[in-house]
């Protein structure tokens, strides 16, 4: 849940504070290591399947449900794995929500 909230808060912050421009505007948080950059991607990772927003909605939902089922019924895992799956789930839910809303 925390990763989902952080996902939406950072997206909101970027939309409020950046302009969608070419070339993209970037803000370094840790120069040379971590930057926020405002770009729009209607596809999956690296813009794969751009324009396939309809079925990507359902794929995001399926991945999210699958991860929740795995977390609930799967084998017990250590805290680091839980944190990793939590981050993946938060991102998948955030992207899925964005795809269903827009």
Protein backbone atom coordinates (compact mmCIF):
# COMPACT_ATOMS: atom_id res chain seq x y z
CA UNK A 1 0.00 0.00 0.00
CA UNK A 2 2.86 2.37 0.81
CA UNK A 3 4.43 1.86 -2.62
CA UNK A 4 1.08 2.58 -4.33
CA UNK A 5 0.71 5.85 -2.40
CA UNK A 6 4.32 6.82 -3.16
CA UNK A 7 3.76 5.97 -6.84
CA UNK A 8 0.80 8.33 -7.09
CA UNK A 9 2.39 11.07 -4.98
CA UNK A 10 5.51 11.17 -7.16
CA UNK A 11 3.43 11.17 -10.36
CA UNK A 12 1.31 14.03 -8.98
CA UNK A 13 4.44 15.96 -7.96
CA UNK A 14 6.02 15.56 -11.42
CA UNK A 15 2.82 16.63 -13.24
CA UNK A 16 2.49 19.71 -11.00
CA UNK A 17 6.15 20.78 -11.18
CA UNK A 18 7.37 19.78 -14.65
CA UNK A 19 6.39 20.72 -18.18
CA UNK A 20 5.96 18.02 -20.79
CA UNK A 21 8.63 19.16 -23.23
CA UNK A 22 10.96 17.89 -25.92
CA UNK A 23 13.66 17.18 -24.85
CA UNK A 24 12.19 16.01 -21.54
CA UNK A 25 12.72 18.13 -18.45
CA UNK A 26 14.72 16.38 -15.73
CA UNK A 27 15.39 17.09 -12.06
CA UNK A 28 18.37 15.38 -10.43
CA UNK A 29 17.76 14.18 -6.89
CA UNK A 30 21.20 12.56 -6.69
CA UNK A 31 23.23 13.91 -9.60
CA UNK A 32 24.44 11.21 -11.96
CA UNK A 33 22.48 8.52 -10.11
CA UNK A 34 18.77 9.34 -9.66
CA UNK A 35 16.72 11.84 -11.69
CA UNK A 36 13.02 12.55 -12.13
CA UNK A 37 12.16 12.96 -15.83
CA UNK A 38 8.68 13.76 -17.16
CA UNK A 39 7.78 11.57 -20.14
CA UNK A 40 4.51 9.93 -21.17
CA UNK A 41 4.52 6.25 -22.05
CA UNK A 42 1.26 4.69 -23.26
CA UNK A 43 2.87 1.28 -23.65
CA UNK A 44 4.68 -1.11 -21.37
CA UNK A 45 8.37 -1.01 -20.44
CA UNK A 46 10.49 0.95 -22.93
CA UNK A 47 7.30 1.93 -24.84
CA UNK A 48 6.70 -1.64 -26.00
CA UNK A 49 3.16 -2.08 -27.31
CA UNK A 50 2.45 1.67 -27.41
CA UNK A 51 -1.17 2.23 -28.22
CA UNK A 52 -2.17 -1.12 -26.72
CA UNK A 53 -3.73 0.59 -23.71
CA UNK A 54 -6.91 -1.53 -23.68
CA UNK A 55 -5.29 -4.91 -23.11
CA UNK A 56 -2.48 -3.44 -21.00
CA UNK A 57 -5.15 -2.38 -18.49
CA UNK A 58 -6.17 -5.96 -18.01
CA UNK A 59 -2.58 -7.21 -17.97
CA UNK A 60 -1.77 -4.79 -15.11
CA UNK A 61 -4.85 -5.97 -13.26
CA UNK A 62 -3.91 -9.62 -13.81
CA UNK A 63 -0.33 -9.10 -12.60
CA UNK A 64 -1.63 -7.28 -9.53
CA UNK A 65 -4.13 -10.01 -8.69
CA UNK A 66 -1.49 -12.69 -9.31
CA UNK A 67 0.97 -11.02 -6.93
CA UNK A 68 -1.71 -10.64 -4.26
CA UNK A 69 -2.66 -14.33 -4.59
CA UNK A 70 1.02 -15.30 -4.40
CA UNK A 71 1.50 -13.15 -1.30
CA UNK A 72 -1.55 -14.62 0.41
CA UNK A 73 -1.28 -18.31 -0.55
CA UNK A 74 2.35 -18.73 -1.58
CA UNK A 75 5.27 -19.86 0.54
CA UNK A 76 6.47 -17.55 3.30
CA UNK A 77 9.37 -15.40 2.11
CA UNK A 78 11.88 -13.16 3.87
CA UNK A 79 11.41 -9.43 4.42
CA UNK A 80 13.58 -8.35 1.46
CA UNK A 81 11.56 -10.47 -0.95
CA UNK A 82 8.34 -9.12 0.56
CA UNK A 83 9.62 -5.57 0.07
CA UNK A 84 10.57 -6.33 -3.55
CA UNK A 85 7.20 -7.87 -4.37
CA UNK A 86 5.51 -4.97 -2.58
CA UNK A 87 7.31 -2.45 -4.79
CA UNK A 88 6.41 -4.40 -7.93
CA UNK A 89 2.78 -4.68 -6.81
CA UNK A 90 2.59 -0.96 -5.99
CA UNK A 91 3.94 -0.07 -9.43
CA UNK A 92 1.62 -2.50 -11.20
CA UNK A 93 -1.40 -1.19 -9.29
CA UNK A 94 -0.39 2.42 -9.91
CA UNK A 95 0.05 1.85 -13.64
CA UNK A 96 -3.18 -0.14 -13.81
CA UNK A 97 -5.12 2.63 -12.08
CA UNK A 98 -3.61 5.19 -14.46
CA UNK A 99 -4.59 3.07 -17.47
CA UNK A 100 -8.18 2.62 -16.29
CA UNK A 101 -8.59 6.33 -15.47
CA UNK A 102 -7.06 7.76 -18.66
